[in-house]
């Protein structure tokens, strides 16, 4: 009981919606009026509220009466370990049914090749009379009268995503996915016919098992076929549901039709499963609004927005306050055993302004929320991220010896108020006393840890250490796409902006370790030799001028630019910009790049190279190195051409006929040749301009 003499209900479920209209299940008290007044329509755009003249205190009680109660959820193999010991079996007989409907919410914790979550067997010969399995590509099922039905899951599928499946069998068979009729592979039509018509839609007296695939009634399980996930609101109806009823179930509404088999009233035998209840509307709120993740650290609005972007999420909006408060309960329950007050911010449609929401937590008694409007820039609060779409976070740079134990993709989830990164098949990452640590399924000791006390996931490029070892490894946990580079801090930029000599990441990490040439260590000994002889080299010669002709010594000076182009198939180039330049004084050039050697004759003195520029021309788009922790854009040799552009000063020898020079033409043979095992190709050109400064013609 509080200071006003009101008694608080210890059941903490809430219903509030702000987005033009604010409605509550509890009572709203205006700070300007001591009398309690109930309101169901308080507009966020109220002039008084926007001006900061009103402050609302919301108090919440048990919401189960208004939401239609709770649904039962059964979890199988939450730890992801394959086993034949996790299942539930119906301990009552099902009669013959001339028509039936089977509906359930299904979620996979870890992907399995098969992942059978329902099996109904009549005999050893008819062990797959009715079964349904879920994997990362499709939902496959056998339905009486319509065998091997496959529903292809469109787009990127993910673990922890909820799917609502309904099978309706009458004179025809209709499969619904997420409330809508769906086409299936295995039959040309969306609706299949029963065959033969003399048989019932579902033959009775079979064995119904959830979580395992039966090879014989009530047994014959295989670990590899088992299911890791949850089933919620399971029903078998002895009738054919209408499309409207199926849609209502998908939208978490109760329907009038009564089920024959369900999780609440039927008799089941349980083996190593977890049974719990979940608020009926919470599934739909999660489906519409996504997952809300609370972080126990103070950040400004702009800082929080950037951190949410790293998780490919956004701060919550004013129309999602109901879901925010539901997500707050397990967060407070896990982290705070005594009274707690916290501020957080909610986006509004008003530019520059946020809802400043103050939450008051008294364990087992109440959760209150006080809301008013403030400029976003003035807030420094705890922050919340709304991850509306369950997309994978990718882990790159996994050590080779651990790839069979560590997943490359993870889902961000909140379980019992704790943030967790769950892999798709074999590992997970949690925050414990060592920091953010990665565990293989069934392992008590972590494989890798990143030291941190922050409850924000270790996004970006981080140095992880192997548990009980001094070995470290650089890995990247990222929400960025394959065409993007992950900054050390976790932000994403276009991959073509990596190593373009401009800072694009906030932490400037996109210009770190810009290696233009990738060389395998086993190639180092041979890289100075000719690549794959005979090597074809193309050239362009441009004579700049002939500044000196010495008739006494029978030679002349020529300045000439020579561009030579070739491809070295041993080299791989990284992060080439449109004007990628590689200078000859760079150490990697001296160590790794073979350059054709030119020989000039006839000459007596050494040729001087006045200036040299090395560049690489890319002939096609690069390929992202998807698993590399540095996230490079790779260009294969076939996609590149090496160009060395050098200005030479050459003193050529030429025997002039003094009595006749310059009145008659003097022919001076000049030769530029390559080393053995190198040949000029047909693309050699020479530019010899007219020199106006010479008193004679040279060509």
Foldseek 3Di string as FASTA:
>chain_A
DDPVPDAFALADAWDWFADQFTATPFWKAKPVDPDTDRDGGDGQPPPCQQVVNIKIKDWHHDCQVVQVHWWKKKFFPQLQAQDPQFKKWFPDKDAFFQWKKKKWKWFAQFFFPWAKFKWWADFLVRRQQWTWGDGQFWIWIQFAQQGTKTGGDDDGGDGPDIWMWMWTDHQKIFIDILLHTDQTPRDPDNIGGHPPSVGGRDHMPIIMMGQFRASGGPDDGDRRNGGGTMIIFIFMASHGDDSVCSNCVSQLHDDPGDGPDTDPPTDMDGGPMDMDIDRSNLSVLCLQFNAKAWWDFWAAQVVQQQLLVLVVWGFAASRNVSNVSNLVVLQCVVPPPAWDKFWEWHHYPDPQKTWIWIWIDGNSGTIMIMTGMDGRRVGTGTTMTGDNDFDWWAKFFPDPVCPVADAGTWTWDADSSFTWTRHRRFKIWGQDPQGTFICTRPDPDGQKHFHDPTSRDQAAWGWIDGPPDRDITIMHTGPDDLQWFAARNSDTDGQLPQCPPDQDDPVSRSNPPQFFKDADPVCQVPQQDDAPFLWAKEKEKEWDDWPDQDQVQQKTKTKMKMKIKGFRQRIKTWSAHQWAWDACVDPCCVRHHHDWDKDKPDADDDKDWPDKTKGKHFQDFFGWPRRHRRTIGIGGRVRIMIIMIIIIIGIYGFNDPVVCPPVDDGDGDMDMDTDPRYYYDPNYYYHDDFDPVDPGTDD
